[in-house]
Amino acid sequence: MAGMKTIIVLAFLLASGILAAILSCALGSNWLPLLSVFTFLLAPFPNIICRRISGSTGGDYMSEDSNFFVVSGIGLPVVLNHSAIITDLALILSLCGGILIYTTILGYFHYFVEQPSDPYSY
C-alpha cells in the first residue's frame, strides 16, 4: 500500500511536468510542443485496454503500441526543433515535461492499481 509520501511525490512530478510543458509552449509563443504531452498521455492506454479485454495474461504484446507513443512523444519535439519551428529551450522543456508526466502515470499504476496475480504460478 502506498503512503502519503508517494502521493506527494507523484503530485510534485505531475505539477512539474505540466509546468515544464506549458513553459515550453509559452516561452516560445508556439503551442505545438503541447502535442508531445498528448502523446505521452496516450501512451498507457493500449496496455490498459488490452489488460481490460484479455485479463491479466495478455497485456504484454500491447507494449509495442505504448512504445510507439513514447517514441513519438520524444521524436515530435526533436523534429519540430530540427525544422526550426520551436527553439532549443522549448525542446528541452517539452521533453522534460512529457517524461515527467509519463513517469507520474507509470508511478500511479505501479503504486495504486492492483496487479492481478498470475493464475498459473504455484
PDB file of N, CA and C in Angstrom:
ATOM      1  N   MET A   1       0.837  -1.182   0.000  1.00  0.00           N
ATOM      2  CA  MET A   1       0.000   0.000   0.000  1.00  0.00           C
ATOM      3  C   MET A   1       0.874   1.235   0.000  1.00  0.00           C
ATOM      4  N   ALA A   2       0.554   2.141  -0.856  1.00  0.00           N
ATOM      5  CA  ALA A   2       1.337   3.370  -0.980  1.00  0.00           C
ATOM      6  C   ALA A   2       0.926   4.357   0.107  1.00  0.00           C
ATOM      7  N   GLY A   3       1.905   5.106   0.551  1.00  0.00           N
ATOM      8  CA  GLY A   3       1.648   6.050   1.622  1.00  0.00           C
ATOM      9  C   GLY A   3       1.493   7.469   1.125  1.00  0.00           C
ATOM     10  N   MET A   4       1.462   8.356   2.089  1.00  0.00           N
ATOM     11  CA  MET A   4       1.283   9.766   1.793  1.00  0.00           C
ATOM     12  C   MET A   4       2.488  10.336   1.045  1.00  0.00           C
ATOM     13  N   LYS A   5       3.682   9.826   1.331  1.00  0.00           N
ATOM     14  CA  LYS A   5       4.880  10.314   0.640  1.00  0.00           C
ATOM     15  C   LYS A   5       4.806  10.014  -0.856  1.00  0.00           C
ATOM     16  N   THR A   6       4.269   8.880  -1.199  1.00  0.00           N
ATOM     17  CA  THR A   6       4.132   8.508  -2.604  1.00  0.00           C
ATOM     18  C   THR A   6       3.171   9.445  -3.318  1.00  0.00           C
ATOM     19  N   ILE A   7       2.079   9.773  -2.662  1.00  0.00           N
ATOM     20  CA  ILE A   7       1.107  10.692  -3.258  1.00  0.00           C
ATOM     21  C   ILE A   7       1.731  12.068  -3.464  1.00  0.00           C
ATOM     22  N   ILE A   8       2.500  12.531  -2.481  1.00  0.00           N
ATOM     23  CA  ILE A   8       3.130  13.841  -2.576  1.00  0.00           C
ATOM     24  C   ILE A   8       4.167  13.866  -3.694  1.00  0.00           C
ATOM     25  N   VAL A   9       4.962  12.811  -3.813  1.00  0.00           N
ATOM     26  CA  VAL A   9       5.975  12.753  -4.867  1.00  0.00           C
ATOM     27  C   VAL A   9       5.321  12.706  -6.240  1.00  0.00           C
ATOM     28  N   LEU A  10       4.276  11.910  -6.403  1.00  0.00           N
ATOM     29  CA  LEU A  10       3.593  11.838  -7.694  1.00  0.00           C
ATOM     30  C   LEU A  10       2.930  13.165  -8.050  1.00  0.00           C
ATOM     31  N   ALA A  11       2.352  13.841  -7.062  1.00  0.00           N
ATOM     32  CA  ALA A  11       1.747  15.150  -7.315  1.00  0.00           C
ATOM     33  C   ALA A  11       2.811  16.173  -7.717  1.00  0.00           C
ATOM     34  N   PHE A  12       3.965  16.126  -7.062  1.00  0.00           N
ATOM     35  CA  PHE A  12       5.053  17.042  -7.411  1.00  0.00           C
ATOM     36  C   PHE A  12       5.568  16.772  -8.816  1.00  0.00           C
ATOM     37  N   LEU A  13       5.722  15.499  -9.188  1.00  0.00           N
ATOM     38  CA  LEU A  13       6.176  15.156 -10.536  1.00  0.00           C
ATOM     39  C   LEU A  13       5.181  15.613 -11.594  1.00  0.00           C
ATOM     40  N   LEU A  14       3.901  15.404 -11.332  1.00  0.00           N
ATOM     41  CA  LEU A  14       2.886  15.807 -12.294  1.00  0.00           C
ATOM     42  C   LEU A  14       2.842  17.325 -12.444  1.00  0.00           C
ATOM     43  N   ALA A  15       2.901  18.043 -11.325  1.00  0.00           N
ATOM     44  CA  ALA A  15       2.877  19.506 -11.389  1.00  0.00           C
ATOM     45  C   ALA A  15       4.118  20.047 -12.102  1.00  0.00           C
ATOM     46  N   SER A  16       5.271  19.439 -11.847  1.00  0.00           N
ATOM     47  CA  SER A  16       6.494  19.873 -12.518  1.00  0.00           C
ATOM     48  C   SER A  16       6.432  19.589 -14.014  1.00  0.00           C
ATOM     49  N   GLY A  17       5.885  18.438 -14.387  1.00  0.00           N
ATOM     50  CA  GLY A  17       5.754  18.099 -15.800  1.00  0.00           C
ATOM     51  C   GLY A  17       4.805  19.022 -16.529  1.00  0.00           C
ATOM     52  N   ILE A  18       3.678  19.340 -15.912  1.00  0.00           N
ATOM     53  CA  ILE A  18       2.725  20.253 -16.550  1.00  0.00           C
ATOM     54  C   ILE A  18       3.323  21.651 -16.659  1.00  0.00           C
ATOM     55  N   LEU A  19       4.031  22.094 -15.614  1.00  0.00           N
ATOM     56  CA  LEU A  19       4.679  23.402 -15.655  1.00  0.00           C
ATOM     57  C   LEU A  19       5.710  23.474 -16.774  1.00  0.00           C
ATOM     58  N   ALA A  20       6.540  22.442 -16.900  1.00  0.00           N
ATOM     59  CA  ALA A  20       7.556  22.432 -17.955  1.00  0.00           C
ATOM     60  C   ALA A  20       6.910  22.404 -19.341  1.00  0.00           C
ATOM     61  N   ALA A  21       5.833  21.644 -19.494  1.00  0.00           N
ATOM     62  CA  ALA A  21       5.161  21.569 -20.794  1.00  0.00           C
ATOM     63  C   ALA A  21       4.527  22.901 -21.173  1.00  0.00           C
ATOM     64  N   ILE A  22       3.896  23.561 -20.221  1.00  0.00           N
ATOM     65  CA  ILE A  22       3.272  24.845 -20.519  1.00  0.00           C
ATOM     66  C   ILE A  22       4.333  25.913 -20.758  1.00  0.00           C
ATOM     67  N   LEU A  23       5.424  25.865 -19.995  1.00  0.00           N
ATOM     68  CA  LEU A  23       6.508  26.824 -20.228  1.00  0.00           C
ATOM     69  C   LEU A  23       7.156  26.630 -21.593  1.00  0.00           C
ATOM     70  N   SER A  24       7.254  25.386 -22.037  1.00  0.00           N
ATOM     71  CA  SER A  24       7.835  25.146 -23.364  1.00  0.00           C
ATOM     72  C   SER A  24       6.985  25.784 -24.454  1.00  0.00           C
ATOM     73  N   CYS A  25       5.693  25.838 -24.224  1.00  0.00           N
ATOM     74  CA  CYS A  25       4.807  26.458 -25.208  1.00  0.00           C
ATOM     75  C   CYS A  25       4.768  27.978 -25.057  1.00  0.00           C
ATOM     76  N   ALA A  26       4.696  28.448 -23.828  1.00  0.00           N
ATOM     77  CA  ALA A  26       4.505  29.882 -23.601  1.00  0.00           C
ATOM     78  C   ALA A  26       5.765  30.689 -23.872  1.00  0.00           C
ATOM     79  N   LEU A  27       6.930  30.174 -23.542  1.00  0.00           N
ATOM     80  CA  LEU A  27       8.154  30.934 -23.741  1.00  0.00           C
ATOM     81  C   LEU A  27       8.506  31.081 -25.219  1.00  0.00           C
ATOM     82  N   GLY A  28       8.116  30.122 -26.019  1.00  0.00           N
ATOM     83  CA  GLY A  28       8.395  30.198 -27.448  1.00  0.00           C
ATOM     84  C   GLY A  28       7.256  30.756 -28.269  1.00  0.00           C
ATOM     85  N   SER A  29       6.154  31.094 -27.622  1.00  0.00           N
ATOM     86  CA  SER A  29       4.952  31.599 -28.306  1.00  0.00           C
ATOM     87  C   SER A  29       4.480  30.644 -29.407  1.00  0.00           C
ATOM     88  N   ASN A  30       4.643  29.361 -29.165  1.00  0.00           N
ATOM     89  CA  ASN A  30       4.248  28.345 -30.123  1.00  0.00           C
ATOM     90  C   ASN A  30       3.692  27.165 -29.328  1.00  0.00           C
ATOM     91  N   TRP A  31       2.472  26.778 -29.600  1.00  0.00           N
ATOM     92  CA  TRP A  31       1.824  25.762 -28.788  1.00  0.00           C
ATOM     93  C   TRP A  31       1.952  24.353 -29.372  1.00  0.00           C
ATOM     94  N   LEU A  32       2.779  24.151 -30.368  1.00  0.00           N
ATOM     95  CA  LEU A  32       2.977  22.818 -30.941  1.00  0.00           C
ATOM     96  C   LEU A  32       3.683  21.833 -30.005  1.00  0.00           C
ATOM     97  N   PRO A  33       4.575  22.255 -29.106  1.00  0.00           N
ATOM     98  CA  PRO A  33       5.176  21.265 -28.195  1.00  0.00           C
ATOM     99  C   PRO A  33       4.166  20.576 -27.279  1.00  0.00           C
ATOM    100  N   LEU A  34       2.985  21.148 -27.147  1.00  0.00           N
ATOM    101  CA  LEU A  34       1.962  20.515 -26.310  1.00  0.00           C
ATOM    102  C   LEU A  34       1.479  19.196 -26.917  1.00  0.00           C
ATOM    103  N   LEU A  35       1.684  19.014 -28.224  1.00  0.00           N
ATOM    104  CA  LEU A  35       1.301  17.754 -28.869  1.00  0.00           C
ATOM    105  C   LEU A  35       2.095  16.573 -28.321  1.00  0.00           C
ATOM    106  N   SER A  36       3.343  16.802 -27.940  1.00  0.00           N
ATOM    107  CA  SER A  36       4.130  15.698 -27.387  1.00  0.00           C
ATOM    108  C   SER A  36       3.591  15.268 -26.032  1.00  0.00           C
ATOM    109  N   VAL A  37       3.054  16.206 -25.266  1.00  0.00           N
ATOM    110  CA  VAL A  37       2.457  15.853 -23.979  1.00  0.00           C
ATOM    111  C   VAL A  37       1.228  14.977 -24.202  1.00  0.00           C
ATOM    112  N   PHE A  38       0.450  15.284 -25.233  1.00  0.00           N
ATOM    113  CA  PHE A  38      -0.721  14.456 -25.529  1.00  0.00           C
ATOM    114  C   PHE A  38      -0.318  13.037 -25.914  1.00  0.00           C
ATOM    115  N   THR A  39       0.795  12.877 -26.622  1.00  0.00           N
ATOM    116  CA  THR A  39       1.227  11.519 -26.962  1.00  0.00           C
ATOM    117  C   THR A  39       1.701  10.771 -25.719  1.00  0.00           C
ATOM    118  N   PHE A  40       2.334  11.481 -24.779  1.00  0.00           N
ATOM    119  CA  PHE A  40       2.718  10.816 -23.523  1.00  0.00           C
ATOM    120  C   PHE A  40       1.485  10.444 -22.701  1.00  0.00           C
ATOM    121  N   LEU A  41       0.435  11.248 -22.771  1.00  0.00           N
ATOM    122  CA  LEU A  41      -0.792  10.917 -22.053  1.00  0.00           C
ATOM    123  C   LEU A  41      -1.515   9.727 -22.687  1.00  0.00           C
ATOM    124  N   LEU A  42      -1.357   9.542 -23.994  1.00  0.00           N
ATOM    125  CA  LEU A  42      -1.989   8.409 -24.680  1.00  0.00           C
ATOM    126  C   LEU A  42      -1.211   7.109 -24.539  1.00  0.00           C
ATOM    127  N   ALA A  43       0.033   7.187 -24.099  1.00  0.00           N
ATOM    128  CA  ALA A  43       0.907   6.010 -24.083  1.00  0.00           C
ATOM    129  C   ALA A  43       0.399   4.848 -23.225  1.00  0.00           C
ATOM    130  N   PRO A  44      -0.159   5.046 -22.033  1.00  0.00           N
ATOM    131  CA  PRO A  44      -0.579   3.878 -21.247  1.00  0.00           C
ATOM    132  C   PRO A  44      -1.882   3.239 -21.698  1.00  0.00           C
ATOM    133  N   PHE A  45      -2.647   3.909 -22.564  1.00  0.00           N
ATOM    134  CA  PHE A  45      -3.962   3.390 -22.918  1.00  0.00           C
ATOM    135  C   PHE A  45      -3.957   2.054 -23.662  1.00  0.00           C
ATOM    136  N   PRO A  46      -3.018   1.759 -24.577  1.00  0.00           N
ATOM    137  CA  PRO A  46      -3.044   0.419 -25.183  1.00  0.00           C
ATOM    138  C   PRO A  46      -2.887  -0.706 -24.152  1.00  0.00           C
ATOM    139  N   ASN A  47      -2.035  -0.505 -23.158  1.00  0.00           N
ATOM    140  CA  ASN A  47      -1.888  -1.531 -22.121  1.00  0.00           C
ATOM    141  C   ASN A  47      -3.138  -1.644 -21.269  1.00  0.00           C
ATOM    142  N   ILE A  48      -3.769  -0.518 -20.957  1.00  0.00           N
ATOM    143  CA  ILE A  48      -4.990  -0.545 -20.148  1.00  0.00           C
ATOM    144  C   ILE A  48      -6.103  -1.261 -20.889  1.00  0.00           C
ATOM    145  N   ILE A  49      -6.271  -0.944 -22.156  1.00  0.00           N
ATOM    146  CA  ILE A  49      -7.341  -1.561 -22.949  1.00  0.00           C
ATOM    147  C   ILE A  49      -7.097  -3.053 -23.105  1.00  0.00           C
ATOM    148  N   CYS A  50      -5.863  -3.431 -23.397  1.00  0.00           N
ATOM    149  CA  CYS A  50      -5.566  -4.851 -23.584  1.00  0.00           C
ATOM    150  C   CYS A  50      -5.722  -5.629 -22.290  1.00  0.00           C
ATOM    151  N   ARG A  51      -5.287  -5.052 -21.191  1.00  0.00           N
ATOM    152  CA  ARG A  51      -5.427  -5.721 -19.904  1.00  0.00           C
ATOM    153  C   ARG A  51      -6.890  -5.862 -19.534  1.00  0.00           C
ATOM    154  N   ARG A  52      -7.709  -4.876 -19.895  1.00  0.00           N
ATOM    155  CA  ARG A  52      -9.133  -4.921 -19.583  1.00  0.00           C
ATOM    156  C   ARG A  52      -9.840  -5.988 -20.419  1.00  0.00           C
ATOM    157  N   ILE A  53      -9.447  -6.126 -21.690  1.00  0.00           N
ATOM    158  CA  ILE A  53     -10.115  -7.063 -22.586  1.00  0.00           C
ATOM    159  C   ILE A  53      -9.692  -8.499 -22.314  1.00  0.00           C
ATOM    160  N   SER A  54      -8.382  -8.725 -22.211  1.00  0.00           N
ATOM    161  CA  SER A  54      -7.911 -10.106 -22.148  1.00  0.00           C
ATOM    162  C   SER A  54      -7.577 -10.587 -20.750  1.00  0.00           C
ATOM    163  N   GLY A  55      -7.764  -9.798 -19.751  1.00  0.00           N
ATOM    164  CA  GLY A  55      -7.446 -10.232 -18.399  1.00  0.00           C
ATOM    165  C   GLY A  55      -5.985  -9.976 -18.079  1.00  0.00           C
ATOM    166  N   SER A  56      -5.464 -10.716 -17.137  1.00  0.00           N
ATOM    167  CA  SER A  56      -4.110 -10.443 -16.645  1.00  0.00           C
ATOM    168  C   SER A  56      -3.021 -11.052 -17.505  1.00  0.00           C
ATOM    169  N   THR A  57      -3.354 -11.969 -18.415  1.00  0.00           N
ATOM    170  CA  THR A  57      -2.291 -12.694 -19.118  1.00  0.00           C
ATOM    171  C   THR A  57      -1.911 -12.085 -20.454  1.00  0.00           C
ATOM    172  N   GLY A  58      -2.742 -11.252 -21.062  1.00  0.00           N
ATOM    173  CA  GLY A  58      -2.470 -10.816 -22.427  1.00  0.00           C
ATOM    174  C   GLY A  58      -2.035  -9.382 -22.569  1.00  0.00           C
ATOM    175  N   GLY A  59      -1.486  -8.757 -21.550  1.00  0.00           N
ATOM    176  CA  GLY A  59      -1.154  -7.351 -21.628  1.00  0.00           C
ATOM    177  C   GLY A  59       0.232  -7.044 -22.132  1.00  0.00           C
ATOM    178  N   ASP A  60       1.046  -8.055 -22.427  1.00  0.00           N
ATOM    179  CA  ASP A  60       2.434  -7.783 -22.764  1.00  0.00           C
ATOM    180  C   ASP A  60       2.625  -7.366 -24.217  1.00  0.00           C
ATOM    181  N   TYR A  61       1.853  -7.875 -25.134  1.00  0.00           N
ATOM    182  CA  TYR A  61       2.119  -7.589 -26.538  1.00  0.00           C
ATOM    183  C   TYR A  61       1.646  -6.198 -26.935  1.00  0.00           C
ATOM    184  N   MET A  62       0.854  -5.539 -26.130  1.00  0.00           N
ATOM    185  CA  MET A  62       0.432  -4.183 -26.442  1.00  0.00           C
ATOM    186  C   MET A  62       1.460  -3.144 -26.022  1.00  0.00           C
ATOM    187  N   SER A  63       2.544  -3.580 -25.393  1.00  0.00           N
ATOM    188  CA  SER A  63       3.566  -2.612 -25.005  1.00  0.00           C
ATOM    189  C   SER A  63       4.248  -2.014 -26.232  1.00  0.00           C
ATOM    190  N   GLU A  64       4.174  -2.695 -27.371  1.00  0.00           N
ATOM    191  CA  GLU A  64       4.728  -2.119 -28.599  1.00  0.00           C
ATOM    192  C   GLU A  64       3.968  -0.862 -29.007  1.00  0.00           C
ATOM    193  N   ASP A  65       2.654  -0.867 -28.843  1.00  0.00           N
ATOM    194  CA  ASP A  65       1.877   0.328 -29.152  1.00  0.00           C
ATOM    195  C   ASP A  65       2.182   1.445 -28.162  1.00  0.00           C
ATOM    196  N   SER A  66       2.366   1.102 -26.908  1.00  0.00           N
ATOM    197  CA  SER A  66       2.751   2.108 -25.918  1.00  0.00           C
ATOM    198  C   SER A  66       4.125   2.673 -26.235  1.00  0.00           C
ATOM    199  N   ASN A  67       5.029   1.809 -26.662  1.00  0.00           N
ATOM    200  CA  ASN A  67       6.361   2.288 -27.041  1.00  0.00           C
ATOM    201  C   ASN A  67       6.290   3.229 -28.240  1.00  0.00           C
ATOM    202  N   PHE A  68       5.368   2.978 -29.156  1.00  0.00           N
ATOM    203  CA  PHE A  68       5.181   3.869 -30.296  1.00  0.00           C
ATOM    204  C   PHE A  68       4.809   5.272 -29.831  1.00  0.00           C
ATOM    205  N   PHE A  69       3.899   5.369 -28.858  1.00  0.00           N
ATOM    206  CA  PHE A  69       3.501   6.677 -28.352  1.00  0.00           C
ATOM    207  C   PHE A  69       4.644   7.365 -27.604  1.00  0.00           C
ATOM    208  N   VAL A  70       5.422   6.611 -26.840  1.00  0.00           N
ATOM    209  CA  VAL A  70       6.537   7.209 -26.099  1.00  0.00           C
ATOM    210  C   VAL A  70       7.602   7.724 -27.060  1.00  0.00           C
ATOM    211  N   VAL A  71       7.948   6.924 -28.062  1.00  0.00           N
ATOM    212  CA  VAL A  71       8.949   7.362 -29.038  1.00  0.00           C
ATOM    213  C   VAL A  71       8.422   8.545 -29.848  1.00  0.00           C
ATOM    214  N   SER A  72       7.137   8.557 -30.165  1.00  0.00           N
ATOM    215  CA  SER A  72       6.559   9.700 -30.863  1.00  0.00           C
ATOM    216  C   SER A  72       6.587  10.947 -29.996  1.00  0.00           C
ATOM    217  N   GLY A  73       6.353  10.785 -28.702  1.00  0.00           N
ATOM    218  CA  GLY A  73       6.406  11.925 -27.794  1.00  0.00           C
ATOM    219  C   GLY A  73       7.797  12.500 -27.663  1.00  0.00           C
ATOM    220  N   ILE A  74       8.808  11.672 -27.819  1.00  0.00           N
ATOM    221  CA  ILE A  74      10.189  12.154 -27.785  1.00  0.00           C
ATOM    222  C   ILE A  74      10.588  12.704 -29.149  1.00  0.00           C
ATOM    223  N   GLY A  75      10.179  12.043 -30.202  1.00  0.00           N
ATOM    224  CA  GLY A  75      10.599  12.428 -31.544  1.00  0.00           C
ATOM    225  C   GLY A  75       9.930  13.674 -32.081  1.00  0.00           C
ATOM    226  N   LEU A  76       8.693  13.942 -31.680  1.00  0.00           N
ATOM    227  CA  LEU A  76       7.973  15.093 -32.208  1.00  0.00           C
ATOM    228  C   LEU A  76       8.656  16.425 -31.876  1.00  0.00           C
ATOM    229  N   PRO A  77       9.053  16.679 -30.630  1.00  0.00           N
ATOM    230  CA  PRO A  77       9.770  17.937 -30.375  1.00  0.00           C
ATOM    231  C   PRO A  77      11.127  18.002 -31.062  1.00  0.00           C
ATOM    232  N   VAL A  78      11.777  16.858 -31.217  1.00  0.00           N
ATOM    233  CA  VAL A  78      13.077  16.845 -31.897  1.00  0.00           C
ATOM    234  C   VAL A  78      12.906  17.248 -33.366  1.00  0.00           C
ATOM    235  N   VAL A  79      11.886  16.714 -34.013  1.00  0.00           N
ATOM    236  CA  VAL A  79      11.623  17.066 -35.410  1.00  0.00           C
ATOM    237  C   VAL A  79      11.202  18.532 -35.528  1.00  0.00           C
ATOM    238  N   LEU A  80      10.367  18.997 -34.601  1.00  0.00           N
ATOM    239  CA  LEU A  80       9.962  20.402 -34.627  1.00  0.00           C
ATOM    240  C   LEU A  80      11.157  21.322 -34.420  1.00  0.00           C
ATOM    241  N   ASN A  81      12.081  20.931 -33.567  1.00  0.00           N
ATOM    242  CA  ASN A  81      13.282  21.730 -33.346  1.00  0.00           C
ATOM    243  C   ASN A  81      14.194  21.680 -34.569  1.00  0.00           C
ATOM    244  N   HIS A  82      14.325  20.533 -35.170  1.00  0.00           N
ATOM    245  CA  HIS A  82      15.190  20.396 -36.336  1.00  0.00           C
ATOM    246  C   HIS A  82      14.691  21.243 -37.507  1.00  0.00           C
ATOM    247  N   SER A  83      13.382  21.358 -37.634  1.00  0.00           N
ATOM    248  CA  SER A  83      12.821  22.173 -38.717  1.00  0.00           C
ATOM    249  C   SER A  83      12.652  23.636 -38.309  1.00  0.00           C
ATOM    250  N   ALA A  84      13.224  24.022 -37.187  1.00  0.00           N
ATOM    251  CA  ALA A  84      13.249  25.409 -36.689  1.00  0.00           C
ATOM    252  C   ALA A  84      11.858  25.965 -36.407  1.00  0.00           C
ATOM    253  N   ILE A  85      10.930  25.104 -36.013  1.00  0.00           N
ATOM    254  CA  ILE A  85       9.605  25.572 -35.624  1.00  0.00           C
ATOM    255  C   ILE A  85       9.599  25.945 -34.143  1.00  0.00           C
ATOM    256  N   ILE A  86      10.325  25.191 -33.314  1.00  0.00           N
ATOM    257  CA  ILE A  86      10.448  25.516 -31.896  1.00  0.00           C
ATOM    258  C   ILE A  86      11.924  25.736 -31.566  1.00  0.00           C
ATOM    259  N   THR A  87      12.167  26.391 -30.443  1.00  0.00           N
ATOM    260  CA  THR A  87      13.535  26.702 -30.036  1.00  0.00           C
ATOM    261  C   THR A  87      14.143  25.540 -29.247  1.00  0.00           C
ATOM    262  N   ASP A  88      15.424  25.657 -28.951  1.00  0.00           N
ATOM    263  CA  ASP A  88      16.091  24.627 -28.164  1.00  0.00           C
ATOM    264  C   ASP A  88      15.534  24.549 -26.744  1.00  0.00           C
ATOM    265  N   LEU A  89      15.217  25.706 -26.168  1.00  0.00           N
ATOM    266  CA  LEU A  89      14.637  25.727 -24.825  1.00  0.00           C
ATOM    267  C   LEU A  89      13.283  25.038 -24.809  1.00  0.00           C
ATOM    268  N   ALA A  90      12.478  25.280 -25.836  1.00  0.00           N
ATOM    269  CA  ALA A  90      11.175  24.613 -25.921  1.00  0.00           C
ATOM    270  C   ALA A  90      11.346  23.111 -26.087  1.00  0.00           C
ATOM    271  N   LEU A  91      12.367  22.693 -26.815  1.00  0.00           N
ATOM    272  CA  LEU A  91      12.650  21.262 -26.976  1.00  0.00           C
ATOM    273  C   LEU A  91      12.971  20.628 -25.631  1.00  0.00           C
ATOM    274  N   ILE A  92      13.862  21.230 -24.886  1.00  0.00           N
ATOM    275  CA  ILE A  92      14.285  20.664 -23.600  1.00  0.00           C
ATOM    276  C   ILE A  92      13.126  20.643 -22.607  1.00  0.00           C
ATOM    277  N   LEU A  93      12.390  21.745 -22.524  1.00  0.00           N
ATOM    278  CA  LEU A  93      11.260  21.791 -21.592  1.00  0.00           C
ATOM    279  C   LEU A  93      10.151  20.825 -21.991  1.00  0.00           C
ATOM    280  N   SER A  94       9.908  20.683 -23.281  1.00  0.00           N
ATOM    281  CA  SER A  94       8.874  19.761 -23.738  1.00  0.00           C
ATOM    282  C   SER A  94       9.246  18.314 -23.436  1.00  0.00           C
ATOM    283  N   LEU A  95      10.499  17.962 -23.671  1.00  0.00           N
ATOM    284  CA  LEU A  95      10.941  16.599 -23.361  1.00  0.00           C
ATOM    285  C   LEU A  95      10.894  16.325 -21.865  1.00  0.00           C
ATOM    286  N   CYS A  96      11.389  17.270 -21.071  1.00  0.00           N
ATOM    287  CA  CYS A  96      11.365  17.079 -19.615  1.00  0.00           C
ATOM    288  C   CYS A  96       9.938  16.986 -19.092  1.00  0.00           C
ATOM    289  N   GLY A  97       9.065  17.860 -19.574  1.00  0.00           N
ATOM    290  CA  GLY A  97       7.673  17.835 -19.128  1.00  0.00           C
ATOM    291  C   GLY A  97       6.963  16.555 -19.516  1.00  0.00           C
ATOM    292  N   GLY A  98       7.140  16.109 -20.741  1.00  0.00           N
ATOM    293  CA  GLY A  98       6.486  14.876 -21.178  1.00  0.00           C
ATOM    294  C   GLY A  98       6.983  13.655 -20.433  1.00  0.00           C
ATOM    295  N   ILE A  99       8.280  13.597 -20.216  1.00  0.00           N
ATOM    296  CA  ILE A  99       8.836  12.446 -19.499  1.00  0.00           C
ATOM    297  C   ILE A  99       8.399  12.451 -18.038  1.00  0.00           C
ATOM    298  N   LEU A 100       8.325  13.635 -17.417  1.00  0.00           N
ATOM    299  CA  LEU A 100       7.836  13.706 -16.037  1.00  0.00           C
ATOM    300  C   LEU A 100       6.374  13.281 -15.938  1.00  0.00           C
ATOM    301  N   ILE A 101       5.562  13.685 -16.894  1.00  0.00           N
ATOM    302  CA  ILE A 101       4.151  13.298 -16.873  1.00  0.00           C
ATOM    303  C   ILE A 101       4.004  11.795 -17.093  1.00  0.00           C
ATOM    304  N   TYR A 102       4.760  11.236 -18.027  1.00  0.00           N
ATOM    305  CA  TYR A 102       4.683   9.792 -18.268  1.00  0.00           C
ATOM    306  C   TYR A 102       5.203   9.013 -17.062  1.00  0.00           C
ATOM    307  N   THR A 103       6.249   9.499 -16.422  1.00  0.00           N
ATOM    308  CA  THR A 103       6.763   8.843 -15.216  1.00  0.00           C
ATOM    309  C   THR A 103       5.722   8.878 -14.101  1.00  0.00           C
ATOM    310  N   THR A 104       4.983   9.963 -13.994  1.00  0.00           N
ATOM    311  CA  THR A 104       3.919  10.052 -13.000  1.00  0.00           C
ATOM    312  C   THR A 104       2.832   9.027 -13.270  1.00  0.00           C
ATOM    313  N   ILE A 105       2.462   8.864 -14.528  1.00  0.00           N
ATOM    314  CA  ILE A 105       1.432   7.885 -14.876  1.00  0.00           C
ATOM    315  C   ILE A 105       1.912   6.471 -14.554  1.00  0.00           C
ATOM    316  N   LEU A 106       3.161   6.167 -14.901  1.00  0.00           N
ATOM    317  CA  LEU A 106       3.703   4.844 -14.576  1.00  0.00           C
ATOM    318  C   LEU A 106       3.777   4.616 -13.073  1.00  0.00           C
ATOM    319  N   GLY A 107       4.172   5.648 -12.333  1.00  0.00           N
ATOM    320  CA  GLY A 107       4.224   5.532 -10.878  1.00  0.00           C
ATOM    321  C   GLY A 107       2.860   5.312 -10.275  1.00  0.00           C
ATOM    322  N   TYR A 108       1.853   5.981 -10.811  1.00  0.00           N
ATOM    323  CA  TYR A 108       0.488   5.769 -10.322  1.00  0.00           C
ATOM    324  C   TYR A 108       0.048   4.323 -10.536  1.00  0.00           C
ATOM    325  N   PHE A 109       0.287   3.806 -11.741  1.00  0.00           N
ATOM    326  CA  PHE A 109      -0.108   2.421 -11.997  1.00  0.00           C
ATOM    327  C   PHE A 109       0.695   1.439 -11.157  1.00  0.00           C
ATOM    328  N   HIS A 110       1.931   1.763 -10.877  1.00  0.00           N
ATOM    329  CA  HIS A 110       2.762   0.856 -10.076  1.00  0.00           C
ATOM    330  C   HIS A 110       2.299   0.815  -8.621  1.00  0.00           C
ATOM    331  N   TYR A 111       1.962   1.962  -8.063  1.00  0.00           N
ATOM    332  CA  TYR A 111       1.643   2.016  -6.636  1.00  0.00           C
ATOM    333  C   TYR A 111       0.168   1.889  -6.308  1.00  0.00           C
ATOM    334  N   PHE A 112      -0.722   2.300  -7.186  1.00  0.00           N
ATOM    335  CA  PHE A 112      -2.123   2.378  -6.810  1.00  0.00           C
ATOM    336  C   PHE A 112      -3.057   1.445  -7.567  1.00  0.00           C
ATOM    337  N   VAL A 113      -2.652   0.894  -8.693  1.00  0.00           N
ATOM    338  CA  VAL A 113      -3.511  -0.033  -9.428  1.00  0.00           C
ATOM    339  C   VAL A 113      -3.075  -1.441  -9.065  1.00  0.00           C
ATOM    340  N   GLU A 114      -4.006  -2.199  -8.550  1.00  0.00           N
ATOM    341  CA  GLU A 114      -3.686  -3.548  -8.103  1.00  0.00           C
ATOM    342  C   GLU A 114      -3.475  -4.459  -9.301  1.00  0.00           C
ATOM    343  N   GLN A 115      -2.311  -5.091  -9.339  1.00  0.00           N
ATOM    344  CA  GLN A 115      -1.994  -6.017 -10.412  1.00  0.00           C
ATOM    345  C   GLN A 115      -2.550  -7.393 -10.041  1.00  0.00           C
ATOM    346  N   PRO A 116      -3.283  -8.016 -10.953  1.00  0.00           N
ATOM    347  CA  PRO A 116      -3.814  -9.348 -10.636  1.00  0.00           C
ATOM    348  C   PRO A 116      -2.681 -10.370 -10.554  1.00  0.00           C
ATOM    349  N   SER A 117      -2.850 -11.291  -9.667  1.00  0.00           N
ATOM    350  CA  SER A 117      -1.816 -12.328  -9.521  1.00  0.00           C
ATOM    351  C   SER A 117      -1.905 -13.313 -10.683  1.00  0.00           C
ATOM    352  N   ASP A 118      -0.787 -13.933 -10.976  1.00  0.00           N
ATOM    353  CA  ASP A 118      -0.721 -14.881 -12.080  1.00  0.00           C
ATOM    354  C   ASP A 118      -1.435 -16.159 -11.683  1.00  0.00           C
ATOM    355  N   PRO A 119      -2.484 -16.579 -12.401  1.00  0.00           N
ATOM    356  CA  PRO A 119      -3.217 -17.780 -12.002  1.00  0.00           C
ATOM    357  C   PRO A 119      -2.438 -19.064 -12.278  1.00  0.00           C
ATOM    358  N   TYR A 120      -1.333 -18.996 -13.032  1.00  0.00           N
ATOM    359  CA  TYR A 120      -0.599 -20.207 -13.370  1.00  0.00           C
ATOM    360  C   TYR A 120       0.593 -20.444 -12.464  1.00  0.00           C
ATOM    361  N   SER A 121       0.900 -19.525 -11.560  1.00  0.00           N
ATOM    362  CA  SER A 121       2.034 -19.728 -10.674  1.00  0.00           C
ATOM    363  C   SER A 121       1.601 -20.547  -9.461  1.00  0.00           C
ATOM    364  N   TYR A 122       2.536 -21.286  -8.917  1.00  0.00           N
ATOM    365  CA  TYR A 122       2.237 -22.133  -7.762  1.00  0.00           C
ATOM    366  C   TYR A 122       2.946 -21.625  -6.535  1.00  0.00           C
TER     367      TYR A 122
END
